[in-house]
Amino acid sequence: MLKTFLHGKIHRARVTATELDYEGSLSVDEALLAAAGIAVHEQIHVVNLRNGARFVTYAIAAPAGSGVIQVNGSAAHLCEPDDLVIIFAYGLVTEAEAATLTPKVVFVDAQNRPV
């Protein structure tokens, strides 16, 4: 049986911009995606710590080292610049894989740099 488990997380990232007039997604600093093991175009879940809003979208790469966390499309209604968010990625694994799975968790500073 396959089960859904957390495999990557970016914790308390600061939203740098929102763009309503965009087809959708979340732009994330490519270095943060790599550190968390999240692939470009992978489904992600996002939680806004200011207002409790939660949404599902997909990750797109912003330039590495830029610190960009930009909420695009209709989800831009759910966040404002400077909001803190948690970005989660899940994967399907077998019970045997789950026993040894260690999610990659990336903590960031106020400029969205890994700490």
Protein backbone atom coordinates (compact mmCIF):
# COMPACT_ATOMS: atom_id res chain seq x y z
CA MET A 1 0.00 0.00 0.00
CA LEU A 2 1.21 3.51 -0.79
CA LYS A 3 0.89 6.28 1.78
CA THR A 4 1.36 10.01 1.43
CA PHE A 5 4.25 11.41 3.46
CA LEU A 6 5.99 14.76 3.75
CA HIS A 7 9.25 14.75 1.81
CA GLY A 8 10.19 18.44 1.67
CA LYS A 9 9.36 21.65 3.54
CA ILE A 10 10.43 25.30 3.50
CA HIS A 11 9.58 26.72 6.92
CA ARG A 12 8.50 30.32 7.60
CA ALA A 13 9.48 31.81 4.26
CA ARG A 14 8.59 35.46 3.77
CA VAL A 15 6.37 36.34 0.80
CA THR A 16 8.28 38.85 -1.31
CA ALA A 17 5.56 39.64 -3.87
CA THR A 18 2.13 38.71 -5.20
CA GLU A 19 1.01 38.79 -8.82
CA LEU A 20 -2.71 38.35 -9.46
CA ASP A 21 -2.41 38.68 -13.25
CA TYR A 22 -0.53 35.40 -13.71
CA GLU A 23 -1.64 31.91 -14.68
CA GLY A 24 -0.91 30.50 -11.23
CA SER A 25 1.77 28.83 -9.14
CA LEU A 26 4.29 29.86 -6.52
CA SER A 27 7.66 31.26 -7.59
CA VAL A 28 10.35 30.02 -5.20
CA ASP A 29 14.08 30.70 -5.08
CA GLU A 30 15.56 27.74 -6.99
CA ALA A 31 18.21 27.16 -4.32
CA LEU A 32 15.47 26.74 -1.68
CA LEU A 33 13.60 24.28 -3.89
CA ALA A 34 16.75 22.21 -4.33
CA ALA A 35 17.57 22.28 -0.61
CA ALA A 36 14.07 21.04 0.22
CA GLY A 37 14.06 18.43 -2.55
CA ILE A 38 11.09 20.05 -4.28
CA ALA A 39 11.04 19.79 -8.07
CA VAL A 40 9.96 22.50 -10.48
CA HIS A 41 6.28 21.95 -11.36
CA GLU A 42 5.79 19.66 -8.35
CA GLN A 43 2.53 20.03 -6.44
CA ILE A 44 2.98 21.94 -3.20
CA HIS A 45 0.76 22.95 -0.30
CA VAL A 46 1.15 26.45 1.16
CA VAL A 47 -0.02 27.69 4.56
CA ASN A 48 -0.14 31.41 5.41
CA LEU A 49 0.78 31.91 9.08
CA ARG A 50 -0.85 35.36 9.25
CA ASN A 51 -4.38 34.45 8.21
CA GLY A 52 -4.48 30.63 8.17
CA ALA A 53 -5.17 30.44 4.43
CA ARG A 54 -4.13 27.17 2.80
CA PHE A 55 -3.83 26.44 -0.89
CA VAL A 56 -2.44 23.86 -3.29
CA THR A 57 -0.44 24.91 -6.33
CA TYR A 58 2.82 24.00 -8.06
CA ALA A 59 6.36 25.30 -7.72
CA ILE A 60 8.17 27.30 -10.36
CA ALA A 61 11.78 28.40 -10.08
CA ALA A 62 12.82 31.96 -9.31
CA PRO A 63 16.52 32.80 -9.69
CA ALA A 64 18.76 30.95 -7.23
CA GLY A 65 19.87 33.15 -4.35
CA SER A 66 17.17 35.75 -5.02
CA GLY A 67 15.09 34.92 -1.95
CA VAL A 68 11.94 35.23 -4.07
CA ILE A 69 8.70 33.75 -2.75
CA GLN A 70 6.02 35.12 -5.07
CA VAL A 71 2.38 34.06 -4.87
CA ASN A 72 0.83 34.07 -8.35
CA GLY A 73 -2.66 33.89 -9.80
CA SER A 74 -5.81 33.57 -7.72
CA ALA A 75 -3.79 32.53 -4.64
CA ALA A 76 -2.45 36.11 -4.58
CA HIS A 77 -5.73 36.99 -2.85
CA LEU A 78 -4.63 34.81 0.08
CA CYS A 79 -1.25 36.40 0.81
CA GLU A 80 0.42 39.78 1.10
CA PRO A 81 4.09 40.69 0.88
CA ASP A 82 5.86 40.01 4.21
CA ASP A 83 3.41 37.24 5.22
CA LEU A 84 5.15 34.13 6.52
CA VAL A 85 4.29 30.87 4.78
CA ILE A 86 5.19 27.21 5.09
CA ILE A 87 5.62 25.29 1.84
CA PHE A 88 5.08 21.52 1.94
CA ALA A 89 5.68 18.79 -0.65
CA TYR A 90 4.37 15.27 -0.22
CA GLY A 91 5.12 12.01 -1.99
CA LEU A 92 3.66 8.53 -2.22
CA VAL A 93 5.86 5.92 -0.60
CA THR A 94 5.58 2.32 0.44
CA GLU A 95 5.42 1.44 4.13
CA ALA A 96 9.01 0.17 3.90
CA GLU A 97 10.18 3.48 2.37
CA ALA A 98 8.24 5.43 4.99
CA ALA A 99 10.16 3.69 7.77
CA THR A 100 13.40 5.32 6.61
CA LEU A 101 12.08 8.56 5.10
CA THR A 102 13.56 11.74 6.51
CA PRO A 103 11.94 14.86 5.07
CA LYS A 104 14.22 17.67 3.95
CA VAL A 105 13.28 20.70 6.05
CA VAL A 106 14.73 24.10 5.19
CA PHE A 107 14.56 26.90 7.75
CA VAL A 108 15.09 30.40 6.38
CA ASP A 109 15.96 33.82 7.76
CA ALA A 110 14.09 37.09 7.10
CA GLN A 111 15.64 37.32 3.60
CA ASN A 112 14.65 33.72 2.74
CA ARG A 113 18.22 32.45 3.00
CA PRO A 114 18.73 28.96 4.46
CA VAL A 115 19.93 28.94 8.07
